[in-house]
């Protein structure tokens, strides 16, 4: 069986070439507004991250973990941060490079897989920005341990988390189809559906894995909010399908 992260990297590249919402980089006007202090960023589909969740951004070393695409890191750069992006999608990294070239700033681009050890020294970053993406990772506890390792003491981890609701339904978001946990690596039919439908290899995760895993890794949870899908039936009924967390390395 092909490594599932290689499958996912290829799927992301294809989605982005086809106009995927979360692979569209910000435009020049949005960057200019950020330079003047008018900005917002997303960890989940619809709710902007509260600005009080961030520490001082000028001079901060920020890791965009699976955060390529030219959506958040250009904003942080405009606010004076020193940004690094880790992603395994070449198209997402290409978008980051394009925005940096267009706006005339430097950014560190790292093509790597967050299911492996992160290629950074201990205590390298002040903040990790991790939008919804660990639904493409089977073992999320590994991600939390690595985040803890590479954050400085007092560093902030901001995470967008899929709560599993989306994995239950058919595409119409009305008909139940799959039981949780959703793990194609342990279900041949589910694996075949995932490949056939070009979903990538995705995984549901429990609150114990997502939030409990952060705490187990050593983080202190400081705040949390919930969010809905960007559109569709679950969104229309205001059914929460995502969480966002602010955690701190004490």
C-alpha atoms as a PDB file:
ATOM      1  CA  UNK A   1       0.000   0.000   0.000  1.00  0.00           C
ATOM      2  CA  UNK A   2       1.314   3.455  -0.916  1.00  0.00           C
ATOM      3  CA  UNK A   3       2.220   5.704   2.032  1.00  0.00           C
ATOM      4  CA  UNK A   4      -0.974   7.574   2.870  1.00  0.00           C
ATOM      5  CA  UNK A   5       0.801  10.916   3.310  1.00  0.00           C
ATOM      6  CA  UNK A   6       2.169  10.657  -0.235  1.00  0.00           C
ATOM      7  CA  UNK A   7      -1.379  10.087  -1.460  1.00  0.00           C
ATOM      8  CA  UNK A   8      -2.563  13.121   0.475  1.00  0.00           C
ATOM      9  CA  UNK A   9       0.195  15.378  -0.830  1.00  0.00           C
ATOM     10  CA  UNK A  10      -0.774  14.480  -4.408  1.00  0.00           C
ATOM     11  CA  UNK A  11      -4.475  14.979  -3.678  1.00  0.00           C
ATOM     12  CA  UNK A  12      -3.836  18.437  -2.190  1.00  0.00           C
ATOM     13  CA  UNK A  13      -1.816  19.443  -5.241  1.00  0.00           C
ATOM     14  CA  UNK A  14      -4.679  18.395  -7.506  1.00  0.00           C
ATOM     15  CA  UNK A  15      -7.311  20.157  -5.380  1.00  0.00           C
ATOM     16  CA  UNK A  16      -5.290  23.373  -5.465  1.00  0.00           C
ATOM     17  CA  UNK A  17      -4.838  23.253  -9.225  1.00  0.00           C
ATOM     18  CA  UNK A  18      -8.642  22.878  -9.433  1.00  0.00           C
ATOM     19  CA  UNK A  19      -9.312  25.964  -7.291  1.00  0.00           C
ATOM     20  CA  UNK A  20      -9.664  24.539  -3.745  1.00  0.00           C
ATOM     21  CA  UNK A  21     -10.916  27.233  -1.362  1.00  0.00           C
ATOM     22  CA  UNK A  22      -8.147  26.613   1.180  1.00  0.00           C
ATOM     23  CA  UNK A  23      -5.428  26.831  -1.441  1.00  0.00           C
ATOM     24  CA  UNK A  24      -6.203  30.328  -2.738  1.00  0.00           C
ATOM     25  CA  UNK A  25      -3.580  32.871  -1.656  1.00  0.00           C
ATOM     26  CA  UNK A  26      -4.566  36.319  -0.427  1.00  0.00           C
ATOM     27  CA  UNK A  27      -4.521  39.212  -2.881  1.00  0.00           C
ATOM     28  CA  UNK A  28      -2.362  42.333  -2.766  1.00  0.00           C
ATOM     29  CA  UNK A  29      -5.108  44.468  -1.232  1.00  0.00           C
ATOM     30  CA  UNK A  30      -5.515  42.077   1.706  1.00  0.00           C
ATOM     31  CA  UNK A  31      -1.761  42.182   2.294  1.00  0.00           C
ATOM     32  CA  UNK A  32      -1.736  45.995   2.208  1.00  0.00           C
ATOM     33  CA  UNK A  33      -4.570  46.128   4.720  1.00  0.00           C
ATOM     34  CA  UNK A  34      -2.587  43.885   7.053  1.00  0.00           C
ATOM     35  CA  UNK A  35       0.370  46.270   6.772  1.00  0.00           C
ATOM     36  CA  UNK A  36      -1.907  49.007   8.095  1.00  0.00           C
ATOM     37  CA  UNK A  37      -3.205  46.799  10.943  1.00  0.00           C
ATOM     38  CA  UNK A  38      -6.475  45.603   9.392  1.00  0.00           C
ATOM     39  CA  UNK A  39      -6.391  41.808   9.378  1.00  0.00           C
ATOM     40  CA  UNK A  40      -7.963  38.495  10.350  1.00  0.00           C
ATOM     41  CA  UNK A  41      -7.004  34.821   9.944  1.00  0.00           C
ATOM     42  CA  UNK A  42      -8.847  31.505  10.135  1.00  0.00           C
ATOM     43  CA  UNK A  43      -8.087  28.232  11.903  1.00  0.00           C
ATOM     44  CA  UNK A  44     -11.514  26.817  11.009  1.00  0.00           C
ATOM     45  CA  UNK A  45     -13.852  27.602   8.094  1.00  0.00           C
ATOM     46  CA  UNK A  46     -15.790  30.693   9.195  1.00  0.00           C
ATOM     47  CA  UNK A  47     -14.790  32.266  12.539  1.00  0.00           C
ATOM     48  CA  UNK A  48     -11.741  34.566  12.650  1.00  0.00           C
ATOM     49  CA  UNK A  49      -9.250  33.744  15.393  1.00  0.00           C
ATOM     50  CA  UNK A  50      -9.627  36.197  18.312  1.00  0.00           C
ATOM     51  CA  UNK A  51      -6.750  38.659  18.205  1.00  0.00           C
ATOM     52  CA  UNK A  52      -6.266  38.294  21.950  1.00  0.00           C
ATOM     53  CA  UNK A  53      -5.163  34.703  21.289  1.00  0.00           C
ATOM     54  CA  UNK A  54      -1.922  36.036  19.823  1.00  0.00           C
ATOM     55  CA  UNK A  55       1.061  37.352  21.697  1.00  0.00           C
ATOM     56  CA  UNK A  56       3.144  40.180  20.226  1.00  0.00           C
ATOM     57  CA  UNK A  57       3.634  39.391  16.537  1.00  0.00           C
ATOM     58  CA  UNK A  58       6.397  41.836  15.630  1.00  0.00           C
ATOM     59  CA  UNK A  59       9.626  39.861  15.761  1.00  0.00           C
ATOM     60  CA  UNK A  60       7.863  36.627  16.732  1.00  0.00           C
ATOM     61  CA  UNK A  61       9.087  33.385  15.188  1.00  0.00           C
ATOM     62  CA  UNK A  62       6.007  31.654  13.778  1.00  0.00           C
ATOM     63  CA  UNK A  63       5.667  28.155  12.351  1.00  0.00           C
ATOM     64  CA  UNK A  64       2.771  27.621   9.953  1.00  0.00           C
ATOM     65  CA  UNK A  65       2.283  23.878  10.480  1.00  0.00           C
ATOM     66  CA  UNK A  66       0.540  22.354   7.436  1.00  0.00           C
ATOM     67  CA  UNK A  67      -0.401  25.980   6.784  1.00  0.00           C
ATOM     68  CA  UNK A  68       0.806  26.563   3.230  1.00  0.00           C
ATOM     69  CA  UNK A  69      -1.277  28.300   0.608  1.00  0.00           C
ATOM     70  CA  UNK A  70      -0.440  31.962   1.115  1.00  0.00           C
ATOM     71  CA  UNK A  71      -3.412  32.711   3.361  1.00  0.00           C
ATOM     72  CA  UNK A  72      -2.122  33.225   6.915  1.00  0.00           C
ATOM     73  CA  UNK A  73       1.657  33.534   6.772  1.00  0.00           C
ATOM     74  CA  UNK A  74       1.579  36.653   4.545  1.00  0.00           C
ATOM     75  CA  UNK A  75      -0.631  38.328   7.154  1.00  0.00           C
ATOM     76  CA  UNK A  76       1.769  37.488   9.982  1.00  0.00           C
ATOM     77  CA  UNK A  77       4.714  38.636   7.883  1.00  0.00           C
ATOM     78  CA  UNK A  78       2.979  41.962   7.218  1.00  0.00           C
ATOM     79  CA  UNK A  79       2.606  42.327  10.989  1.00  0.00           C
ATOM     80  CA  UNK A  80       6.345  41.905  11.472  1.00  0.00           C
ATOM     81  CA  UNK A  81       6.702  38.199  12.271  1.00  0.00           C
ATOM     82  CA  UNK A  82       9.491  35.898  11.079  1.00  0.00           C
ATOM     83  CA  UNK A  83       7.565  33.060   9.419  1.00  0.00           C
ATOM     84  CA  UNK A  84       8.363  29.472   8.474  1.00  0.00           C
ATOM     85  CA  UNK A  85       5.890  27.243   6.603  1.00  0.00           C
ATOM     86  CA  UNK A  86       5.958  23.453   6.747  1.00  0.00           C
ATOM     87  CA  UNK A  87       3.756  21.625   4.272  1.00  0.00           C
ATOM     88  CA  UNK A  88       4.010  18.487   2.132  1.00  0.00           C
ATOM     89  CA  UNK A  89       2.006  19.975  -0.735  1.00  0.00           C
ATOM     90  CA  UNK A  90       4.296  21.525  -3.320  1.00  0.00           C
ATOM     91  CA  UNK A  91       1.416  23.589  -4.683  1.00  0.00           C
ATOM     92  CA  UNK A  92       0.740  25.087  -1.247  1.00  0.00           C
ATOM     93  CA  UNK A  93       4.416  26.009  -0.908  1.00  0.00           C
ATOM     94  CA  UNK A  94       4.393  27.454  -4.428  1.00  0.00           C
ATOM     95  CA  UNK A  95       1.553  29.765  -3.376  1.00  0.00           C
ATOM     96  CA  UNK A  96       3.564  30.939  -0.373  1.00  0.00           C
ATOM     97  CA  UNK A  97       6.542  31.617  -2.618  1.00  0.00           C
ATOM     98  CA  UNK A  98       4.382  33.510  -5.106  1.00  0.00           C
ATOM     99  CA  UNK A  99       2.919  35.857  -2.473  1.00  0.00           C
ATOM    100  CA  UNK A 100       6.340  36.467  -0.907  1.00  0.00           C
ATOM    101  CA  UNK A 101       7.813  37.365  -4.288  1.00  0.00           C
ATOM    102  CA  UNK A 102       4.852  39.599  -5.164  1.00  0.00           C
ATOM    103  CA  UNK A 103       5.015  41.491  -1.865  1.00  0.00           C
ATOM    104  CA  UNK A 104       8.812  41.503  -1.558  1.00  0.00           C
ATOM    105  CA  UNK A 105       9.417  39.654   1.709  1.00  0.00           C
ATOM    106  CA  UNK A 106      11.385  36.599   2.804  1.00  0.00           C
ATOM    107  CA  UNK A 107       9.797  33.419   4.146  1.00  0.00           C
ATOM    108  CA  UNK A 108      11.251  30.012   4.975  1.00  0.00           C
ATOM    109  CA  UNK A 109       9.582  27.160   3.076  1.00  0.00           C
ATOM    110  CA  UNK A 110      10.011  23.584   4.307  1.00  0.00           C
ATOM    111  CA  UNK A 111       8.592  20.649   2.384  1.00  0.00           C
ATOM    112  CA  UNK A 112       8.113  17.972   5.033  1.00  0.00           C
ATOM    113  CA  UNK A 113       5.608  15.582   6.571  1.00  0.00           C
ATOM    114  CA  UNK A 114       4.300  16.371  10.061  1.00  0.00           C
ATOM    115  CA  UNK A 115       3.756  12.667  10.736  1.00  0.00           C
ATOM    116  CA  UNK A 116       7.569  12.541  11.032  1.00  0.00           C
ATOM    117  CA  UNK A 117       9.863  14.395  13.441  1.00  0.00           C
ATOM    118  CA  UNK A 118       9.691  18.091  12.631  1.00  0.00           C
ATOM    119  CA  UNK A 119      12.994  19.316  11.112  1.00  0.00           C
ATOM    120  CA  UNK A 120      13.536  22.018  13.740  1.00  0.00           C
ATOM    121  CA  UNK A 121      15.541  22.351  16.939  1.00  0.00           C
ATOM    122  CA  UNK A 122      13.895  22.372  20.338  1.00  0.00           C
ATOM    123  CA  UNK A 123      12.374  25.703  21.384  1.00  0.00           C
ATOM    124  CA  UNK A 124      12.625  27.274  17.913  1.00  0.00           C
ATOM    125  CA  UNK A 125       9.277  29.083  17.735  1.00  0.00           C
ATOM    126  CA  UNK A 126       7.135  31.531  19.702  1.00  0.00           C
ATOM    127  CA  UNK A 127       3.884  30.473  18.028  1.00  0.00           C
ATOM    128  CA  UNK A 128       2.605  27.564  15.952  1.00  0.00           C
ATOM    129  CA  UNK A 129      -0.388  28.225  13.688  1.00  0.00           C
ATOM    130  CA  UNK A 130      -1.990  24.903  12.758  1.00  0.00           C
ATOM    131  CA  UNK A 131      -5.239  25.218  10.744  1.00  0.00           C
ATOM    132  CA  UNK A 132      -7.507  22.196  10.254  1.00  0.00           C
ATOM    133  CA  UNK A 133      -5.201  19.543   8.805  1.00  0.00           C
ATOM    134  CA  UNK A 134      -4.528  16.790  11.316  1.00  0.00           C
ATOM    135  CA  UNK A 135      -7.639  15.018  10.013  1.00  0.00           C
ATOM    136  CA  UNK A 136      -5.097  13.817   7.416  1.00  0.00           C
ATOM    137  CA  UNK A 137      -2.909  12.305  10.164  1.00  0.00           C
ATOM    138  CA  UNK A 138      -3.590   8.993  11.859  1.00  0.00           C
ATOM    139  CA  UNK A 139      -1.564   9.665  15.031  1.00  0.00           C
ATOM    140  CA  UNK A 140      -2.280  13.216  16.232  1.00  0.00           C
ATOM    141  CA  UNK A 141      -0.511  12.716  19.567  1.00  0.00           C
ATOM    142  CA  UNK A 142       2.774  12.638  17.652  1.00  0.00           C
ATOM    143  CA  UNK A 143       1.913  16.077  16.232  1.00  0.00           C
ATOM    144  CA  UNK A 144       1.232  17.514  19.695  1.00  0.00           C
ATOM    145  CA  UNK A 145       4.494  16.120  21.102  1.00  0.00           C
ATOM    146  CA  UNK A 146       6.472  17.638  18.251  1.00  0.00           C
ATOM    147  CA  UNK A 147       4.698  20.981  18.621  1.00  0.00           C
ATOM    148  CA  UNK A 148       5.582  21.004  22.310  1.00  0.00           C
ATOM    149  CA  UNK A 149       9.204  20.194  21.535  1.00  0.00           C
ATOM    150  CA  UNK A 150       9.766  22.975  18.998  1.00  0.00           C
ATOM    151  CA  UNK A 151       7.886  25.703  20.897  1.00  0.00           C
ATOM    152  CA  UNK A 152       9.707  27.963  23.312  1.00  0.00           C
ATOM    153  CA  UNK A 153       8.598  28.039  26.933  1.00  0.00           C
ATOM    154  CA  UNK A 154       5.542  30.270  27.017  1.00  0.00           C
ATOM    155  CA  UNK A 155       4.960  29.580  23.323  1.00  0.00           C
ATOM    156  CA  UNK A 156       1.444  29.419  21.904  1.00  0.00           C
ATOM    157  CA  UNK A 157      -0.154  26.615  19.871  1.00  0.00           C
ATOM    158  CA  UNK A 158      -3.239  27.662  17.879  1.00  0.00           C
ATOM    159  CA  UNK A 159      -5.045  24.711  16.292  1.00  0.00           C
ATOM    160  CA  UNK A 160      -8.082  24.083  14.111  1.00  0.00           C
ATOM    161  CA  UNK A 161      -9.614  20.662  14.755  1.00  0.00           C
ATOM    162  CA  UNK A 162     -12.199  18.576  12.875  1.00  0.00           C
ATOM    163  CA  UNK A 163     -14.483  17.007  15.494  1.00  0.00           C
ATOM    164  CA  UNK A 164     -15.460  14.053  13.274  1.00  0.00           C
ATOM    165  CA  UNK A 165     -18.999  15.151  12.372  1.00  0.00           C
ATOM    166  CA  UNK A 166     -18.191  15.496   8.668  1.00  0.00           C
ATOM    167  CA  UNK A 167     -17.101  11.878   8.335  1.00  0.00           C
ATOM    168  CA  UNK A 168     -20.509  10.432   9.186  1.00  0.00           C
ATOM    169  CA  UNK A 169     -22.513  11.756   6.232  1.00  0.00           C
ATOM    170  CA  UNK A 170     -22.862  11.344   2.505  1.00  0.00           C
ATOM    171  CA  UNK A 171     -21.888  14.383   0.413  1.00  0.00           C
ATOM    172  CA  UNK A 172     -25.436  15.754   0.773  1.00  0.00           C
ATOM    173  CA  UNK A 173     -24.800  16.061   4.544  1.00  0.00           C
ATOM    174  CA  UNK A 174     -28.240  14.549   5.145  1.00  0.00           C
ATOM    175  CA  UNK A 175     -27.730  10.801   4.877  1.00  0.00           C
ATOM    176  CA  UNK A 176     -25.724   8.801   7.411  1.00  0.00           C
ATOM    177  CA  UNK A 177     -23.097   6.664   5.672  1.00  0.00           C
ATOM    178  CA  UNK A 178     -20.088   5.856   7.881  1.00  0.00           C
ATOM    179  CA  UNK A 179     -19.613   4.937  11.518  1.00  0.00           C
ATOM    180  CA  UNK A 180     -16.913   6.523  13.634  1.00  0.00           C
ATOM    181  CA  UNK A 181     -14.009   6.135  13.998  1.00  0.00           C
ATOM    182  CA  UNK A 182     -13.287   6.886  10.350  1.00  0.00           C
ATOM    183  CA  UNK A 183      -9.968   5.258   9.468  1.00  0.00           C
ATOM    184  CA  UNK A 184      -9.361   4.036   5.898  1.00  0.00           C
ATOM    185  CA  UNK A 185      -6.163   2.278   6.946  1.00  0.00           C
ATOM    186  CA  UNK A 186      -8.267  -0.139   9.002  1.00  0.00           C
ATOM    187  CA  UNK A 187     -11.190  -0.544   6.582  1.00  0.00           C
ATOM    188  CA  UNK A 188     -10.572  -1.807   3.052  1.00  0.00           C
ATOM    189  CA  UNK A 189     -13.908  -0.586   1.672  1.00  0.00           C
ATOM    190  CA  UNK A 190     -13.402   2.846   3.197  1.00  0.00           C
ATOM    191  CA  UNK A 191      -9.884   3.011   1.760  1.00  0.00           C
ATOM    192  CA  UNK A 192     -11.180   2.153  -1.697  1.00  0.00           C
ATOM    193  CA  UNK A 193     -13.946   4.789  -1.393  1.00  0.00           C
ATOM    194  CA  UNK A 194     -11.388   7.390  -0.323  1.00  0.00           C
ATOM    195  CA  UNK A 195      -9.109   6.700  -3.276  1.00  0.00           C
ATOM    196  CA  UNK A 196     -11.950   6.405  -5.811  1.00  0.00           C
ATOM    197  CA  UNK A 197     -13.558   9.686  -4.707  1.00  0.00           C
ATOM    198  CA  UNK A 198     -10.255  11.559  -4.393  1.00  0.00           C
ATOM    199  CA  UNK A 199     -10.931  12.433  -0.750  1.00  0.00           C
ATOM    200  CA  UNK A 200      -7.393  11.806   0.360  1.00  0.00           C
ATOM    201  CA  UNK A 201      -6.845   9.495   3.322  1.00  0.00           C
ATOM    202  CA  UNK A 202      -8.612  11.189   6.217  1.00  0.00           C
ATOM    203  CA  UNK A 203      -9.188  10.238   9.847  1.00  0.00           C
ATOM    204  CA  UNK A 204     -11.719  11.152  12.509  1.00  0.00           C
ATOM    205  CA  UNK A 205     -10.320  11.962  15.951  1.00  0.00           C
ATOM    206  CA  UNK A 206     -11.920  12.078  19.379  1.00  0.00           C
ATOM    207  CA  UNK A 207     -11.835  14.925  21.868  1.00  0.00           C
ATOM    208  CA  UNK A 208      -9.474  12.744  23.912  1.00  0.00           C
ATOM    209  CA  UNK A 209      -7.024  12.680  20.985  1.00  0.00           C
ATOM    210  CA  UNK A 210      -7.440  16.291  19.938  1.00  0.00           C
ATOM    211  CA  UNK A 211      -7.687  18.265  23.163  1.00  0.00           C
ATOM    212  CA  UNK A 212      -6.716  15.572  25.633  1.00  0.00           C
ATOM    213  CA  UNK A 213      -3.669  14.845  23.474  1.00  0.00           C
ATOM    214  CA  UNK A 214      -2.495  18.448  23.747  1.00  0.00           C
ATOM    215  CA  UNK A 215      -2.820  18.302  27.527  1.00  0.00           C
ATOM    216  CA  UNK A 216      -1.042  14.945  27.677  1.00  0.00           C
ATOM    217  CA  UNK A 217       1.826  16.417  25.634  1.00  0.00           C
ATOM    218  CA  UNK A 218       2.256  19.097  28.304  1.00  0.00           C
ATOM    219  CA  UNK A 219       0.180  22.001  27.005  1.00  0.00           C
ATOM    220  CA  UNK A 220      -2.173  24.087  29.110  1.00  0.00           C
ATOM    221  CA  UNK A 221      -5.485  24.723  27.342  1.00  0.00           C
ATOM    222  CA  UNK A 222      -6.375  28.409  27.663  1.00  0.00           C
ATOM    223  CA  UNK A 223      -9.355  28.864  25.354  1.00  0.00           C
ATOM    224  CA  UNK A 224     -11.557  27.108  22.804  1.00  0.00           C
ATOM    225  CA  UNK A 225     -14.402  27.839  20.384  1.00  0.00           C
ATOM    226  CA  UNK A 226     -16.485  25.840  17.915  1.00  0.00           C
ATOM    227  CA  UNK A 227     -17.294  26.492  14.272  1.00  0.00           C
ATOM    228  CA  UNK A 228     -19.354  25.107  11.398  1.00  0.00           C
ATOM    229  CA  UNK A 229     -18.565  24.064   7.847  1.00  0.00           C
ATOM    230  CA  UNK A 230     -18.080  26.838   5.305  1.00  0.00           C
ATOM    231  CA  UNK A 231     -21.363  25.899   3.573  1.00  0.00           C
ATOM    232  CA  UNK A 232     -23.796  23.001   3.170  1.00  0.00           C
ATOM    233  CA  UNK A 233     -26.507  21.384   5.256  1.00  0.00           C
ATOM    234  CA  UNK A 234     -24.562  21.162   8.525  1.00  0.00           C
ATOM    235  CA  UNK A 235     -23.616  24.822   8.192  1.00  0.00           C
ATOM    236  CA  UNK A 236     -27.210  25.823   7.454  1.00  0.00           C
ATOM    237  CA  UNK A 237     -28.353  24.107  10.651  1.00  0.00           C
ATOM    238  CA  UNK A 238     -25.457  25.634  12.607  1.00  0.00           C
ATOM    239  CA  UNK A 239     -24.141  22.200  13.605  1.00  0.00           C
ATOM    240  CA  UNK A 240     -20.589  22.519  14.948  1.00  0.00           C
ATOM    241  CA  UNK A 241     -18.091  20.396  13.066  1.00  0.00           C
ATOM    242  CA  UNK A 242     -14.845  22.065  14.151  1.00  0.00           C
ATOM    243  CA  UNK A 243     -13.091  23.277  17.278  1.00  0.00           C
ATOM    244  CA  UNK A 244     -10.282  25.787  17.622  1.00  0.00           C
ATOM    245  CA  UNK A 245      -7.939  25.743  20.617  1.00  0.00           C
ATOM    246  CA  UNK A 246      -5.384  28.030  22.179  1.00  0.00           C
ATOM    247  CA  UNK A 247      -2.811  26.121  24.226  1.00  0.00           C
ATOM    248  CA  UNK A 248       0.390  27.288  25.885  1.00  0.00           C
ATOM    249  CA  UNK A 249       3.672  25.568  26.735  1.00  0.00           C
ATOM    250  CA  UNK A 250       4.279  26.364  30.405  1.00  0.00           C
END
